[in-house]
Amino acid sequence: METQASIQARADRVQSALDGAFGVRAKTLDKAVRRAGRRLPKRLRAQAAKIVQAQALGGHPKLMRQVDGVALSVAEEQIVEWLDGIDRADLRKGMWLGLAGSIAFNILLILVLFIVWMVWAGQV
């Protein structure tokens, strides 16, 4: 049977994995998952919701019987395994390359529009 301490340990492990993968810092797992948003796949957000629900049951002994320890263990392992595969440096590099690509495209578009305008005005 799960205890409040074991559920909190699972939540802390998932929360630290979220911080390591996305730099998401929050006081609770629920807030951390919300801040991660769509960067976390839907199925993993659902798994994290199971852990958050188990946390919400608190230390109430009768309600803690409803918690499925195996499902929480599986949820924790799937989330942490997926988050451990994320490379923050690669995400950062991809963001910078995407930004550089969009700036280069906009500059080219402006140059083409300027040349078209020059031809249309009869300047070239």
C-alpha atoms as a PDB file:
ATOM      1  CA  MET A   1       0.000   0.000   0.000  1.00  0.00           C
ATOM      2  CA  GLU A   2       1.221   3.452  -0.887  1.00  0.00           C
ATOM      3  CA  THR A   3       1.981   6.008   1.782  1.00  0.00           C
ATOM      4  CA  GLN A   4       1.986   9.770   1.559  1.00  0.00           C
ATOM      5  CA  ALA A   5       5.783   9.763   1.792  1.00  0.00           C
ATOM      6  CA  SER A   6       6.189   7.320  -1.118  1.00  0.00           C
ATOM      7  CA  ILE A   7       3.776   9.308  -3.279  1.00  0.00           C
ATOM      8  CA  GLN A   8       5.625  12.517  -2.443  1.00  0.00           C
ATOM      9  CA  ALA A   9       8.927  10.856  -3.318  1.00  0.00           C
ATOM     10  CA  ARG A  10       7.517   9.852  -6.719  1.00  0.00           C
ATOM     11  CA  ALA A  11       6.227  13.386  -7.299  1.00  0.00           C
ATOM     12  CA  ASP A  12       9.589  14.876  -6.325  1.00  0.00           C
ATOM     13  CA  ARG A  13      11.421  12.547  -8.718  1.00  0.00           C
ATOM     14  CA  VAL A  14       9.124  13.483 -11.617  1.00  0.00           C
ATOM     15  CA  GLN A  15       9.363  17.169 -10.709  1.00  0.00           C
ATOM     16  CA  SER A  16      13.168  17.087 -10.665  1.00  0.00           C
ATOM     17  CA  ALA A  17      13.153  15.289 -14.033  1.00  0.00           C
ATOM     18  CA  LEU A  18      10.917  18.063 -15.435  1.00  0.00           C
ATOM     19  CA  ASP A  19      13.355  20.636 -14.094  1.00  0.00           C
ATOM     20  CA  GLY A  20      16.277  18.796 -15.657  1.00  0.00           C
ATOM     21  CA  ALA A  21      14.625  18.383 -19.044  1.00  0.00           C
ATOM     22  CA  PHE A  22      12.817  21.694 -19.508  1.00  0.00           C
ATOM     23  CA  GLY A  23      14.070  23.927 -16.713  1.00  0.00           C
ATOM     24  CA  VAL A  24      10.572  23.981 -15.217  1.00  0.00           C
ATOM     25  CA  ARG A  25      10.704  25.060 -11.589  1.00  0.00           C
ATOM     26  CA  ALA A  26       7.590  24.999  -9.457  1.00  0.00           C
ATOM     27  CA  LYS A  27       6.575  24.287  -5.892  1.00  0.00           C
ATOM     28  CA  THR A  28       4.218  21.437  -6.786  1.00  0.00           C
ATOM     29  CA  LEU A  29       4.131  18.755  -9.442  1.00  0.00           C
ATOM     30  CA  ASP A  30       0.788  20.052 -10.710  1.00  0.00           C
ATOM     31  CA  LYS A  31       2.238  23.499 -11.405  1.00  0.00           C
ATOM     32  CA  ALA A  32       5.357  21.985 -12.968  1.00  0.00           C
ATOM     33  CA  VAL A  33       3.266  19.891 -15.373  1.00  0.00           C
ATOM     34  CA  ARG A  34       1.170  22.932 -16.281  1.00  0.00           C
ATOM     35  CA  ARG A  35       4.315  24.982 -16.944  1.00  0.00           C
ATOM     36  CA  ALA A  36       5.746  22.217 -19.119  1.00  0.00           C
ATOM     37  CA  GLY A  37       2.526  22.395 -21.128  1.00  0.00           C
ATOM     38  CA  ARG A  38       2.629  20.907 -24.593  1.00  0.00           C
ATOM     39  CA  ARG A  39       6.297  20.096 -24.372  1.00  0.00           C
ATOM     40  CA  LEU A  40       5.143  17.065 -22.402  1.00  0.00           C
ATOM     41  CA  PRO A  41       3.108  14.622 -24.530  1.00  0.00           C
ATOM     42  CA  LYS A  42      -0.567  14.150 -23.713  1.00  0.00           C
ATOM     43  CA  ARG A  43      -0.160  10.567 -22.507  1.00  0.00           C
ATOM     44  CA  LEU A  44       2.580  11.631 -20.090  1.00  0.00           C
ATOM     45  CA  ARG A  45       0.505  14.556 -18.818  1.00  0.00           C
ATOM     46  CA  ALA A  46      -2.221  12.008 -18.066  1.00  0.00           C
ATOM     47  CA  GLN A  47       0.305   9.843 -16.226  1.00  0.00           C
ATOM     48  CA  ALA A  48       1.446  12.851 -14.202  1.00  0.00           C
ATOM     49  CA  ALA A  49      -2.197  13.604 -13.380  1.00  0.00           C
ATOM     50  CA  LYS A  50      -2.417  10.183 -11.723  1.00  0.00           C
ATOM     51  CA  ILE A  51       0.431  11.105  -9.408  1.00  0.00           C
ATOM     52  CA  VAL A  52      -1.111  14.518  -8.688  1.00  0.00           C
ATOM     53  CA  GLN A  53      -4.459  12.869  -7.865  1.00  0.00           C
ATOM     54  CA  ALA A  54      -2.731  10.449  -5.512  1.00  0.00           C
ATOM     55  CA  GLN A  55      -1.038  13.414  -3.835  1.00  0.00           C
ATOM     56  CA  ALA A  56      -4.409  15.122  -3.445  1.00  0.00           C
ATOM     57  CA  LEU A  57      -5.741  12.193  -1.451  1.00  0.00           C
ATOM     58  CA  GLY A  58      -3.225  13.227   1.145  1.00  0.00           C
ATOM     59  CA  GLY A  59      -2.619  11.153   4.195  1.00  0.00           C
ATOM     60  CA  HIS A  60      -6.253  10.108   4.542  1.00  0.00           C
ATOM     61  CA  PRO A  61      -6.047   6.371   5.320  1.00  0.00           C
ATOM     62  CA  LYS A  62      -9.368   5.324   3.787  1.00  0.00           C
ATOM     63  CA  LEU A  63      -8.844   7.309   0.608  1.00  0.00           C
ATOM     64  CA  MET A  64      -5.282   6.038   0.234  1.00  0.00           C
ATOM     65  CA  ARG A  65      -6.725   2.562  -0.391  1.00  0.00           C
ATOM     66  CA  GLN A  66      -7.955   3.846  -3.745  1.00  0.00           C
ATOM     67  CA  VAL A  67      -4.415   4.566  -4.906  1.00  0.00           C
ATOM     68  CA  ASP A  68      -2.974   1.947  -7.265  1.00  0.00           C
ATOM     69  CA  GLY A  69       0.712   1.684  -6.391  1.00  0.00           C
ATOM     70  CA  VAL A  70       1.603  -0.269  -9.533  1.00  0.00           C
ATOM     71  CA  ALA A  71      -0.025   2.336 -11.787  1.00  0.00           C
ATOM     72  CA  LEU A  72       1.857   5.112  -9.991  1.00  0.00           C
ATOM     73  CA  SER A  73       5.122   3.231 -10.350  1.00  0.00           C
ATOM     74  CA  VAL A  74       4.536   2.706 -14.075  1.00  0.00           C
ATOM     75  CA  ALA A  75       3.535   6.359 -14.520  1.00  0.00           C
ATOM     76  CA  GLU A  76       6.631   7.587 -12.729  1.00  0.00           C
ATOM     77  CA  GLU A  77       8.958   5.318 -14.708  1.00  0.00           C
ATOM     78  CA  GLN A  78       7.442   6.284 -18.078  1.00  0.00           C
ATOM     79  CA  ILE A  79       7.659  10.002 -17.364  1.00  0.00           C
ATOM     80  CA  VAL A  80      11.193   9.919 -15.983  1.00  0.00           C
ATOM     81  CA  GLU A  81      12.412   7.648 -18.791  1.00  0.00           C
ATOM     82  CA  TRP A  82      11.002   9.970 -21.459  1.00  0.00           C
ATOM     83  CA  LEU A  83      12.359  13.093 -19.762  1.00  0.00           C
ATOM     84  CA  ASP A  84      15.833  11.579 -19.357  1.00  0.00           C
ATOM     85  CA  GLY A  85      16.040  11.217 -23.138  1.00  0.00           C
ATOM     86  CA  ILE A  86      15.704  14.969 -23.701  1.00  0.00           C
ATOM     87  CA  ASP A  87      18.862  16.926 -24.481  1.00  0.00           C
ATOM     88  CA  ARG A  88      18.535  20.547 -23.358  1.00  0.00           C
ATOM     89  CA  ALA A  89      21.521  21.647 -25.435  1.00  0.00           C
ATOM     90  CA  ASP A  90      19.926  20.211 -28.580  1.00  0.00           C
ATOM     91  CA  LEU A  91      16.630  21.984 -27.798  1.00  0.00           C
ATOM     92  CA  ARG A  92      18.477  25.257 -27.314  1.00  0.00           C
ATOM     93  CA  LYS A  93      20.449  24.775 -30.550  1.00  0.00           C
ATOM     94  CA  GLY A  94      17.244  23.989 -32.428  1.00  0.00           C
ATOM     95  CA  MET A  95      15.589  27.124 -31.063  1.00  0.00           C
ATOM     96  CA  TRP A  96      18.495  29.321 -32.211  1.00  0.00           C
ATOM     97  CA  LEU A  97      18.616  27.674 -35.640  1.00  0.00           C
ATOM     98  CA  GLY A  98      14.870  28.147 -36.053  1.00  0.00           C
ATOM     99  CA  LEU A  99      15.172  31.798 -35.107  1.00  0.00           C
ATOM    100  CA  ALA A 100      18.076  32.315 -37.533  1.00  0.00           C
ATOM    101  CA  GLY A 101      16.114  30.592 -40.302  1.00  0.00           C
ATOM    102  CA  SER A 102      13.056  32.767 -39.816  1.00  0.00           C
ATOM    103  CA  ILE A 103      15.184  35.947 -39.773  1.00  0.00           C
ATOM    104  CA  ALA A 104      16.966  34.882 -42.970  1.00  0.00           C
ATOM    105  CA  PHE A 105      13.638  34.135 -44.662  1.00  0.00           C
ATOM    106  CA  ASN A 106      12.227  37.525 -43.672  1.00  0.00           C
ATOM    107  CA  ILE A 107      15.291  39.344 -45.000  1.00  0.00           C
ATOM    108  CA  LEU A 108      15.077  37.478 -48.311  1.00  0.00           C
ATOM    109  CA  LEU A 109      11.351  38.211 -48.554  1.00  0.00           C
ATOM    110  CA  ILE A 110      11.934  41.919 -47.959  1.00  0.00           C
ATOM    111  CA  LEU A 111      14.705  41.994 -50.607  1.00  0.00           C
ATOM    112  CA  VAL A 112      12.489  40.233 -53.177  1.00  0.00           C
ATOM    113  CA  LEU A 113       9.582  42.574 -52.447  1.00  0.00           C
ATOM    114  CA  PHE A 114      11.905  45.579 -52.753  1.00  0.00           C
ATOM    115  CA  ILE A 115      13.191  44.365 -56.138  1.00  0.00           C
ATOM    116  CA  VAL A 116       9.622  43.708 -57.340  1.00  0.00           C
ATOM    117  CA  TRP A 117       8.631  47.203 -56.213  1.00  0.00           C
ATOM    118  CA  MET A 118      11.645  48.706 -58.028  1.00  0.00           C
ATOM    119  CA  VAL A 119      10.698  46.866 -61.244  1.00  0.00           C
ATOM    120  CA  TRP A 120       7.042  47.865 -60.898  1.00  0.00           C
ATOM    121  CA  ALA A 121       8.002  51.541 -60.318  1.00  0.00           C
ATOM    122  CA  GLY A 122      10.271  51.470 -63.394  1.00  0.00           C
ATOM    123  CA  GLN A 123      13.488  52.141 -61.463  1.00  0.00           C
ATOM    124  CA  VAL A 124      15.266  49.020 -62.717  1.00  0.00           C
END
